[in-house]
């Protein structure tokens, strides 16, 4: 009988072992780097929050 290995996305694994506070800190660090040379508008921030909430809580509107 042949077994197959399940592929694990490293990003998913790393996020799963972090506490919610550490995940939030990591998200802020990534956002800081992403917007290093530009100033985000309120619309950019609202869109990003909506995307994160949709991923976290499902695709309900």
C-alpha atoms as a PDB file:
ATOM      1  CA  UNK A   1       0.000   0.000   0.000  1.00  0.00           C
ATOM      2  CA  UNK A   2       1.374   3.326  -1.023  1.00  0.00           C
ATOM      3  CA  UNK A   3       1.023   6.367   1.234  1.00  0.00           C
ATOM      4  CA  UNK A   4       0.936   9.894  -0.031  1.00  0.00           C
ATOM      5  CA  UNK A   5       2.401  12.838   1.765  1.00  0.00           C
ATOM      6  CA  UNK A   6       0.135  15.779   2.358  1.00  0.00           C
ATOM      7  CA  UNK A   7       1.662  19.037   1.264  1.00  0.00           C
ATOM      8  CA  UNK A   8       1.645  21.684   3.947  1.00  0.00           C
ATOM      9  CA  UNK A   9       1.837  25.347   3.067  1.00  0.00           C
ATOM     10  CA  UNK A  10       4.637  26.752   5.260  1.00  0.00           C
ATOM     11  CA  UNK A  11       2.801  30.057   5.656  1.00  0.00           C
ATOM     12  CA  UNK A  12      -0.269  28.285   7.036  1.00  0.00           C
ATOM     13  CA  UNK A  13       1.860  26.293   9.454  1.00  0.00           C
ATOM     14  CA  UNK A  14       3.744  29.328  10.700  1.00  0.00           C
ATOM     15  CA  UNK A  15       0.529  31.263  11.268  1.00  0.00           C
ATOM     16  CA  UNK A  16      -1.100  28.332  13.046  1.00  0.00           C
ATOM     17  CA  UNK A  17       1.600  28.158  15.721  1.00  0.00           C
ATOM     18  CA  UNK A  18       1.507  31.896  16.473  1.00  0.00           C
ATOM     19  CA  UNK A  19      -0.780  33.378  19.068  1.00  0.00           C
ATOM     20  CA  UNK A  20      -3.422  35.835  17.800  1.00  0.00           C
ATOM     21  CA  UNK A  21      -1.388  38.714  19.238  1.00  0.00           C
ATOM     22  CA  UNK A  22       1.738  37.544  17.408  1.00  0.00           C
ATOM     23  CA  UNK A  23      -0.245  37.215  14.172  1.00  0.00           C
ATOM     24  CA  UNK A  24      -1.461  40.785  14.562  1.00  0.00           C
ATOM     25  CA  UNK A  25       2.081  42.010  15.225  1.00  0.00           C
ATOM     26  CA  UNK A  26       3.310  40.173  12.137  1.00  0.00           C
ATOM     27  CA  UNK A  27       0.515  41.678  10.036  1.00  0.00           C
ATOM     28  CA  UNK A  28       1.446  45.181  11.212  1.00  0.00           C
ATOM     29  CA  UNK A  29       5.115  44.587  10.410  1.00  0.00           C
ATOM     30  CA  UNK A  30       4.229  43.379   6.916  1.00  0.00           C
ATOM     31  CA  UNK A  31       1.923  46.345   6.360  1.00  0.00           C
ATOM     32  CA  UNK A  32       4.617  48.730   7.579  1.00  0.00           C
ATOM     33  CA  UNK A  33       7.061  47.335   5.030  1.00  0.00           C
ATOM     34  CA  UNK A  34       4.465  47.334   2.258  1.00  0.00           C
ATOM     35  CA  UNK A  35       3.616  50.997   2.774  1.00  0.00           C
ATOM     36  CA  UNK A  36       7.142  52.142   3.573  1.00  0.00           C
ATOM     37  CA  UNK A  37       7.405  54.574   0.675  1.00  0.00           C
ATOM     38  CA  UNK A  38       3.742  55.512   0.299  1.00  0.00           C
ATOM     39  CA  UNK A  39       0.955  56.751   2.522  1.00  0.00           C
ATOM     40  CA  UNK A  40      -2.113  54.476   2.570  1.00  0.00           C
ATOM     41  CA  UNK A  41      -5.481  56.157   2.187  1.00  0.00           C
ATOM     42  CA  UNK A  42      -8.471  55.388   4.370  1.00  0.00           C
ATOM     43  CA  UNK A  43      -9.983  53.495   1.427  1.00  0.00           C
ATOM     44  CA  UNK A  44      -6.851  51.292   1.224  1.00  0.00           C
ATOM     45  CA  UNK A  45      -7.104  50.517   4.934  1.00  0.00           C
ATOM     46  CA  UNK A  46     -10.837  49.770   4.753  1.00  0.00           C
ATOM     47  CA  UNK A  47     -10.286  47.421   1.806  1.00  0.00           C
ATOM     48  CA  UNK A  48      -7.502  45.596   3.634  1.00  0.00           C
ATOM     49  CA  UNK A  49      -9.628  45.203   6.772  1.00  0.00           C
ATOM     50  CA  UNK A  50     -12.521  43.867   4.702  1.00  0.00           C
ATOM     51  CA  UNK A  51     -10.269  41.304   3.022  1.00  0.00           C
ATOM     52  CA  UNK A  52      -8.834  40.127   6.338  1.00  0.00           C
ATOM     53  CA  UNK A  53     -12.272  39.851   7.928  1.00  0.00           C
ATOM     54  CA  UNK A  54     -13.604  37.951   4.932  1.00  0.00           C
ATOM     55  CA  UNK A  55     -10.744  35.463   5.223  1.00  0.00           C
ATOM     56  CA  UNK A  56     -11.173  35.109   8.973  1.00  0.00           C
ATOM     57  CA  UNK A  57     -14.953  34.895   9.192  1.00  0.00           C
ATOM     58  CA  UNK A  58     -16.023  33.508   5.825  1.00  0.00           C
ATOM     59  CA  UNK A  59     -17.479  35.148   2.772  1.00  0.00           C
ATOM     60  CA  UNK A  60     -20.659  36.463   4.395  1.00  0.00           C
ATOM     61  CA  UNK A  61     -21.720  40.005   3.713  1.00  0.00           C
END
